[in-house]
Protein backbone atom coordinates (compact mmCIF):
# COMPACT_ATOMS: atom_id res chain seq x y z
CA UNK A 1 -39.99 -7.00 -132.70
CA UNK A 2 -39.31 -3.57 -134.03
CA UNK A 3 -36.71 -1.11 -132.78
CA UNK A 4 -39.46 1.16 -131.47
CA UNK A 5 -40.83 -1.63 -129.28
CA UNK A 6 -37.34 -2.40 -127.93
CA UNK A 7 -36.76 1.28 -127.14
CA UNK A 8 -40.08 1.54 -125.29
CA UNK A 9 -39.33 -1.62 -123.31
CA UNK A 10 -35.86 -0.34 -122.44
CA UNK A 11 -37.36 2.96 -121.29
CA UNK A 12 -39.92 1.16 -119.10
CA UNK A 13 -37.11 -0.86 -117.48
CA UNK A 14 -34.95 2.25 -116.96
CA UNK A 15 -37.87 4.00 -115.23
CA UNK A 16 -38.50 0.97 -113.02
CA UNK A 17 -34.81 0.78 -112.12
CA UNK A 18 -34.36 4.48 -111.36
CA UNK A 19 -37.74 5.36 -109.85
CA UNK A 20 -39.28 2.02 -108.81
CA UNK A 21 -42.50 2.63 -110.75
CA UNK A 22 -44.17 0.14 -113.10
CA UNK A 23 -45.29 2.09 -116.14
CA UNK A 24 -47.24 0.66 -119.05
CA UNK A 25 -46.59 2.96 -122.02
CA UNK A 26 -49.61 3.29 -124.28
CA UNK A 27 -48.65 6.11 -126.63
CA UNK A 28 -45.36 7.92 -127.21
CA UNK A 29 -45.92 11.57 -128.17
CA UNK A 30 -42.27 12.66 -128.45
CA UNK A 31 -39.36 10.21 -128.38
CA UNK A 32 -35.83 11.35 -127.52
CA UNK A 33 -36.35 14.96 -128.55
CA UNK A 34 -33.43 17.27 -127.79
CA UNK A 35 -34.20 19.70 -124.95
CA UNK A 36 -30.68 21.09 -124.53
CA UNK A 37 -27.24 20.54 -126.02
CA UNK A 38 -26.81 17.33 -124.00
CA UNK A 39 -30.30 16.30 -122.84
CA UNK A 40 -33.11 14.33 -124.48
CA UNK A 41 -36.74 14.02 -123.43
CA UNK A 42 -39.45 11.44 -124.04
CA UNK A 43 -43.08 12.38 -123.51
CA UNK A 44 -45.52 9.50 -123.24
CA UNK A 45 -49.03 8.56 -122.16
CA UNK A 46 -49.61 5.52 -119.93
CA UNK A 47 -52.47 3.05 -120.01
CA UNK A 48 -53.92 4.93 -116.98
CA UNK A 49 -54.00 8.09 -119.14
CA UNK A 50 -51.21 9.79 -117.19
CA UNK A 51 -48.73 11.94 -119.12
CA UNK A 52 -45.09 11.51 -118.13
CA UNK A 53 -41.90 13.24 -119.24
CA UNK A 54 -38.60 11.36 -118.94
CA UNK A 55 -35.44 13.47 -119.32
CA UNK A 56 -31.92 12.14 -119.46
CA UNK A 57 -28.67 14.01 -120.09
CA UNK A 58 -25.05 13.20 -120.80
CA UNK A 59 -23.86 15.92 -118.45
CA UNK A 60 -24.82 16.89 -114.90
CA UNK A 61 -28.42 18.08 -114.55
CA UNK A 62 -30.06 19.61 -111.48
CA UNK A 63 -33.65 19.81 -110.28
CA UNK A 64 -33.70 23.49 -111.28
CA UNK A 65 -32.56 22.59 -114.81
CA UNK A 66 -35.37 20.07 -115.13
CA UNK A 67 -37.97 22.60 -113.94
CA UNK A 68 -36.72 25.07 -116.54
CA UNK A 69 -36.78 22.47 -119.34
CA UNK A 70 -40.35 21.43 -118.49
CA UNK A 71 -41.50 25.04 -118.74
CA UNK A 72 -39.59 25.69 -121.98
CA UNK A 73 -41.18 22.60 -123.56
CA UNK A 74 -44.62 24.14 -122.97
CA UNK A 75 -45.62 21.73 -120.22
CA UNK A 76 -46.91 22.20 -116.70
CA UNK A 77 -45.54 19.80 -114.08
CA UNK A 78 -47.67 18.15 -111.43
CA UNK A 79 -45.17 15.94 -109.58
CA UNK A 80 -41.39 15.63 -109.88
CA UNK A 81 -40.77 12.03 -108.92
CA UNK A 82 -37.77 11.43 -106.62
CA UNK A 83 -35.28 8.59 -107.11
CA UNK A 84 -36.19 5.07 -106.01
CA UNK A 85 -36.40 4.51 -102.22
CA UNK A 86 -35.81 8.22 -101.43
CA UNK A 87 -39.23 9.90 -101.14
CA UNK A 88 -37.78 12.99 -99.42
CA UNK A 89 -34.75 13.29 -101.73
CA UNK A 90 -35.22 16.95 -102.70
CA UNK A 91 -35.85 18.03 -99.09
CA UNK A 92 -32.80 16.07 -97.86
CA UNK A 93 -30.49 17.65 -100.42
CA UNK A 94 -32.00 21.10 -99.89
CA UNK A 95 -31.52 20.85 -96.12
CA UNK A 96 -27.92 19.65 -96.40
CA UNK A 97 -27.01 22.41 -98.89
CA UNK A 98 -28.72 24.99 -96.64
CA UNK A 99 -26.72 23.75 -93.63
CA UNK A 100 -23.48 24.09 -95.62
CA UNK A 101 -24.26 27.76 -96.18
CA UNK A 102 -25.84 28.49 -92.78
CA UNK A 103 -24.30 26.02 -90.29
CA UNK A 104 -25.59 27.86 -87.21
CA UNK A 105 -29.30 27.82 -88.06
CA UNK A 106 -31.27 25.34 -85.99
CA UNK A 107 -34.86 25.86 -87.18
CA UNK A 108 -35.13 25.34 -90.96
CA UNK A 109 -38.46 25.80 -92.73
CA UNK A 110 -39.53 24.64 -96.19
CA UNK A 111 -39.32 28.26 -97.40
CA UNK A 112 -35.66 28.36 -96.35
CA UNK A 113 -34.69 25.34 -98.43
CA UNK A 114 -36.82 26.17 -101.49
CA UNK A 115 -33.87 27.50 -103.50
CA UNK A 116 -31.44 24.85 -102.25
CA UNK A 117 -33.74 22.06 -103.45
CA UNK A 118 -33.15 23.25 -107.02
CA UNK A 119 -29.45 22.40 -106.61
CA UNK A 120 -30.15 18.66 -106.18
CA UNK A 121 -28.70 16.41 -108.87
CA UNK A 122 -31.59 15.00 -110.93
CA UNK A 123 -30.47 12.85 -113.84
CA UNK A 124 -32.49 10.99 -115.10
CA UNK A 125 -35.69 12.88 -114.31
CA UNK A 126 -39.30 11.70 -114.36
CA UNK A 127 -42.11 14.24 -114.23
CA UNK A 128 -45.87 13.71 -114.08
CA UNK A 129 -47.37 16.35 -116.36
CA UNK A 130 -50.67 18.04 -115.53
CA UNK A 131 -51.12 20.14 -118.68
CA UNK A 132 -49.75 20.82 -122.15
CA UNK A 133 -49.90 24.59 -122.51
CA UNK A 134 -51.30 25.91 -125.81
CA UNK A 135 -51.57 22.34 -127.15
CA UNK A 136 -47.99 22.23 -128.48
CA UNK A 137 -44.85 20.51 -127.26
CA UNK A 138 -41.58 22.24 -128.11
CA UNK A 139 -38.02 20.99 -128.51
CA UNK A 140 -34.62 22.64 -128.41
CA UNK A 141 -33.43 23.99 -131.76
CA UNK A 142 -30.25 26.04 -132.07
CA UNK A 143 -31.29 27.50 -135.42
CA UNK A 144 -34.54 28.97 -134.11
CA UNK A 145 -34.49 32.58 -132.90
CA UNK A 146 -36.00 31.57 -129.52
CA UNK A 147 -34.02 28.27 -129.43
CA UNK A 148 -37.30 26.36 -129.19
CA UNK A 149 -39.66 25.15 -131.90
CA UNK A 150 -42.89 23.13 -131.90
CA UNK A 151 -42.43 19.40 -132.44
CA UNK A 152 -45.91 17.98 -131.74
CA UNK A 153 -49.47 19.09 -131.27
CA UNK A 154 -51.05 17.36 -128.30
CA UNK A 155 -53.89 18.50 -126.05
CA UNK A 156 -53.84 17.27 -122.47
CA UNK A 157 -55.11 18.55 -119.14
CA UNK A 158 -55.33 16.43 -116.04
CA UNK A 159 -58.37 17.19 -113.94
CA UNK A 160 -57.84 16.38 -110.28
CA UNK A 161 -60.63 14.52 -108.55
CA UNK A 162 -61.06 13.79 -104.87
């Protein structure tokens, strides 16, 4: 087996271990592209024609950081998948952080915790992508004047059906 096949298999196992999802990778668009000084991203298409982005970093990464990276890469997120066995992870963390700041508040709405959800630790991250904006995927490049440069041309838009 080739190194590429081993890397894809290792990625599938890492996703299953962290998020509890069986993913059958069909096509890798971008593999381990730098998206910050310490983070790498892999963009791939599954056999069900779903586009996923897997981001991992050597340093601490929050939900807000991941949202920013997805936008900078020229992608539009559909679902940010929470860690395995914690479907309400972002709401739980957002509520606890909100209560640290405002301990006396009894009624907490989803609007109240919106900002505090972005402070949740999210490393590794798995994102279901709904669209590739402008048909190009960008990666982090220090030498570029905008710090981002195109790495791949790929057209994708997920059309929701009932």
